[in-house]
Amino acid sequence: MLLRSDDDGASWDTVLDFQGGGTFNQDQTAFSVQIAGLADDPNNPDAVYVARNGAYPGFPPTPVTNGVTQSSDGGQTWNDLGNQQEGTIADLALGIDGQYLFLATDHGGARLPLQ
């Protein structure tokens, strides 16, 4: 779950909420999504990037969709960036120049261009 405050933390609004949070539903049919990383743009407070890992239950869990979702309007709308099969994501970071996102995955590093 990702929350946002516009009043210095006096109140909080949910802007992104995935099903699961690392747990699976009772009948084990839906996959679970975990937020794996978060990056923001210091020059644009409404720009946020969320890395996520989604998996079906099992041991080990079977990855379904791993990728990056971004919002440029403070979390009102979300769009997926690049390839959504990046491998299991451990973290992400915005490049110094703001042109790329860098992902750390179990497949190695990946670079996503931002437009």
C-alpha atoms as a PDB file:
ATOM      1  CA  MET A   1       0.000   0.000   0.000  1.00  0.00           C
ATOM      2  CA  LEU A   2       1.296   3.451  -0.895  1.00  0.00           C
ATOM      3  CA  LEU A   3       0.052   6.492   1.025  1.00  0.00           C
ATOM      4  CA  ARG A   4       0.358  10.224   0.337  1.00  0.00           C
ATOM      5  CA  SER A   5       0.056  13.241   2.607  1.00  0.00           C
ATOM      6  CA  ASP A   6      -0.372  16.806   1.379  1.00  0.00           C
ATOM      7  CA  ASP A   7      -0.568  18.368   4.852  1.00  0.00           C
ATOM      8  CA  ASP A   8       2.752  17.427   6.478  1.00  0.00           C
ATOM      9  CA  GLY A   9       1.426  14.092   7.736  1.00  0.00           C
ATOM     10  CA  ALA A  10      -1.752  15.278   9.467  1.00  0.00           C
ATOM     11  CA  SER A  11      -3.808  13.050   7.154  1.00  0.00           C
ATOM     12  CA  TRP A  12      -2.987  10.306   4.651  1.00  0.00           C
ATOM     13  CA  ASP A  13      -4.661   9.052   1.481  1.00  0.00           C
ATOM     14  CA  THR A  14      -4.141   5.667  -0.173  1.00  0.00           C
ATOM     15  CA  VAL A  15      -2.893   6.193  -3.737  1.00  0.00           C
ATOM     16  CA  LEU A  16      -1.913   2.603  -4.625  1.00  0.00           C
ATOM     17  CA  ASP A  17      -3.110  -0.628  -3.064  1.00  0.00           C
ATOM     18  CA  PHE A  18      -2.293  -4.059  -4.469  1.00  0.00           C
ATOM     19  CA  GLN A  19      -4.037  -7.271  -3.464  1.00  0.00           C
ATOM     20  CA  GLY A  20      -1.998  -9.533  -1.292  1.00  0.00           C
ATOM     21  CA  GLY A  21       0.877  -7.741   0.315  1.00  0.00           C
ATOM     22  CA  GLY A  22       2.719 -11.060   0.380  1.00  0.00           C
ATOM     23  CA  THR A  23      -0.241 -13.202   1.396  1.00  0.00           C
ATOM     24  CA  PHE A  24      -2.634 -15.139  -0.813  1.00  0.00           C
ATOM     25  CA  ASN A  25      -6.416 -15.258  -0.661  1.00  0.00           C
ATOM     26  CA  GLN A  26      -8.169 -18.188   1.018  1.00  0.00           C
ATOM     27  CA  ASP A  27      -8.782 -20.227  -2.140  1.00  0.00           C
ATOM     28  CA  GLN A  28      -5.266 -19.590  -3.525  1.00  0.00           C
ATOM     29  CA  THR A  29      -6.549 -18.387  -6.923  1.00  0.00           C
ATOM     30  CA  ALA A  30      -5.415 -14.764  -6.976  1.00  0.00           C
ATOM     31  CA  PHE A  31      -1.802 -13.766  -7.067  1.00  0.00           C
ATOM     32  CA  SER A  32      -0.201 -11.623  -4.421  1.00  0.00           C
ATOM     33  CA  VAL A  33       1.633  -8.382  -5.175  1.00  0.00           C
ATOM     34  CA  GLN A  34       4.388  -6.890  -3.048  1.00  0.00           C
ATOM     35  CA  ILE A  35       5.905  -3.444  -3.444  1.00  0.00           C
ATOM     36  CA  ALA A  36       9.621  -4.037  -3.983  1.00  0.00           C
ATOM     37  CA  GLY A  37      10.889  -0.486  -4.309  1.00  0.00           C
ATOM     38  CA  LEU A  38       9.886   3.137  -4.472  1.00  0.00           C
ATOM     39  CA  ALA A  39      11.529   6.114  -6.181  1.00  0.00           C
ATOM     40  CA  ASP A  40      10.434   9.705  -6.535  1.00  0.00           C
ATOM     41  CA  ASP A  41      11.645  12.655  -8.541  1.00  0.00           C
ATOM     42  CA  PRO A  42      12.932  15.426  -6.239  1.00  0.00           C
ATOM     43  CA  ASN A  43      12.279  17.951  -9.017  1.00  0.00           C
ATOM     44  CA  ASN A  44       8.649  16.842  -9.432  1.00  0.00           C
ATOM     45  CA  PRO A  45       6.888  15.772  -6.189  1.00  0.00           C
ATOM     46  CA  ASP A  46       3.937  14.330  -8.141  1.00  0.00           C
ATOM     47  CA  ALA A  47       6.171  11.821  -9.987  1.00  0.00           C
ATOM     48  CA  VAL A  48       6.523   8.463  -8.250  1.00  0.00           C
ATOM     49  CA  TYR A  49       7.733   5.044  -9.432  1.00  0.00           C
ATOM     50  CA  VAL A  50       6.809   1.745  -7.761  1.00  0.00           C
ATOM     51  CA  ALA A  51       8.519  -1.591  -8.412  1.00  0.00           C
ATOM     52  CA  ARG A  52       6.288  -4.581  -7.761  1.00  0.00           C
ATOM     53  CA  ASN A  53       6.539  -8.360  -7.696  1.00  0.00           C
ATOM     54  CA  GLY A  54       3.436 -10.465  -8.307  1.00  0.00           C
ATOM     55  CA  ALA A  55       3.336 -14.219  -7.786  1.00  0.00           C
ATOM     56  CA  TYR A  56       0.993 -17.194  -7.566  1.00  0.00           C
ATOM     57  CA  PRO A  57       1.107 -19.260  -4.371  1.00  0.00           C
ATOM     58  CA  GLY A  58       3.428 -22.207  -4.048  1.00  0.00           C
ATOM     59  CA  PHE A  59       6.899 -22.917  -2.848  1.00  0.00           C
ATOM     60  CA  PRO A  60       8.693 -21.152  -4.200  1.00  0.00           C
ATOM     61  CA  PRO A  61       6.007 -18.717  -5.398  1.00  0.00           C
ATOM     62  CA  THR A  62       5.658 -18.596  -9.200  1.00  0.00           C
ATOM     63  CA  PRO A  63       6.340 -15.064 -10.497  1.00  0.00           C
ATOM     64  CA  VAL A  64       3.532 -13.699 -12.683  1.00  0.00           C
ATOM     65  CA  THR A  65       4.234 -10.057 -13.291  1.00  0.00           C
ATOM     66  CA  ASN A  66       7.165  -8.035 -12.052  1.00  0.00           C
ATOM     67  CA  GLY A  67       7.653  -4.497 -13.242  1.00  0.00           C
ATOM     68  CA  VAL A  68       7.395  -0.793 -12.609  1.00  0.00           C
ATOM     69  CA  THR A  69       4.263   1.318 -12.334  1.00  0.00           C
ATOM     70  CA  GLN A  70       4.507   5.116 -12.477  1.00  0.00           C
ATOM     71  CA  SER A  71       2.325   8.086 -11.692  1.00  0.00           C
ATOM     72  CA  SER A  72       2.978  11.648 -12.810  1.00  0.00           C
ATOM     73  CA  ASP A  73      -0.042  13.139 -11.023  1.00  0.00           C
ATOM     74  CA  GLY A  74       0.545  12.266  -7.387  1.00  0.00           C
ATOM     75  CA  GLY A  75      -1.029   8.809  -7.574  1.00  0.00           C
ATOM     76  CA  GLN A  76      -4.347   9.691  -9.197  1.00  0.00           C
ATOM     77  CA  THR A  77      -3.523   7.552 -12.253  1.00  0.00           C
ATOM     78  CA  TRP A  78      -0.932   4.799 -12.822  1.00  0.00           C
ATOM     79  CA  ASN A  79       0.775   3.402 -15.929  1.00  0.00           C
ATOM     80  CA  ASP A  80       3.146   0.469 -16.410  1.00  0.00           C
ATOM     81  CA  LEU A  81       6.631   1.228 -17.725  1.00  0.00           C
ATOM     82  CA  GLY A  82       8.671  -0.963 -20.054  1.00  0.00           C
ATOM     83  CA  ASN A  83       8.844  -4.747 -19.902  1.00  0.00           C
ATOM     84  CA  GLN A  84       6.692  -6.162 -17.113  1.00  0.00           C
ATOM     85  CA  GLN A  85       8.756  -9.362 -16.905  1.00  0.00           C
ATOM     86  CA  GLU A  86      11.923  -7.941 -15.394  1.00  0.00           C
ATOM     87  CA  GLY A  87      12.539 -10.821 -12.976  1.00  0.00           C
ATOM     88  CA  THR A  88      12.127 -10.536  -9.239  1.00  0.00           C
ATOM     89  CA  ILE A  89      12.850  -6.914  -8.391  1.00  0.00           C
ATOM     90  CA  ALA A  90      14.843  -6.057  -5.277  1.00  0.00           C
ATOM     91  CA  ASP A  91      14.967  -2.261  -5.642  1.00  0.00           C
ATOM     92  CA  LEU A  92      14.844   0.670  -8.037  1.00  0.00           C
ATOM     93  CA  ALA A  93      16.403   4.124  -8.226  1.00  0.00           C
ATOM     94  CA  LEU A  94      15.940   7.218 -10.340  1.00  0.00           C
ATOM     95  CA  GLY A  95      19.095   8.225 -12.206  1.00  0.00           C
ATOM     96  CA  ILE A  96      20.787  11.500 -11.297  1.00  0.00           C
ATOM     97  CA  ASP A  97      19.747  13.088 -14.602  1.00  0.00           C
ATOM     98  CA  GLY A  98      16.123  11.910 -14.261  1.00  0.00           C
ATOM     99  CA  GLN A  99      16.306  10.199 -17.670  1.00  0.00           C
ATOM    100  CA  TYR A 100      16.335   6.563 -16.480  1.00  0.00           C
ATOM    101  CA  LEU A 101      15.123   4.247 -13.752  1.00  0.00           C
ATOM    102  CA  PHE A 102      17.585   1.581 -12.661  1.00  0.00           C
ATOM    103  CA  LEU A 103      16.310  -1.786 -11.407  1.00  0.00           C
ATOM    104  CA  ALA A 104      18.106  -4.389  -9.328  1.00  0.00           C
ATOM    105  CA  THR A 105      16.639  -7.815 -10.191  1.00  0.00           C
ATOM    106  CA  ASP A 106      17.509 -11.476  -9.868  1.00  0.00           C
ATOM    107  CA  HIS A 107      18.460 -11.278 -13.572  1.00  0.00           C
ATOM    108  CA  GLY A 108      20.948  -8.454 -12.945  1.00  0.00           C
ATOM    109  CA  GLY A 109      20.554  -4.738 -13.493  1.00  0.00           C
ATOM    110  CA  ALA A 110      18.093  -3.133 -15.897  1.00  0.00           C
ATOM    111  CA  ARG A 111      17.661   0.427 -17.143  1.00  0.00           C
ATOM    112  CA  LEU A 112      14.275   1.851 -18.112  1.00  0.00           C
ATOM    113  CA  PRO A 113      14.207   5.078 -20.127  1.00  0.00           C
ATOM    114  CA  LEU A 114      11.750   7.741 -18.938  1.00  0.00           C
ATOM    115  CA  GLN A 115       9.982  10.043 -21.364  1.00  0.00           C
END
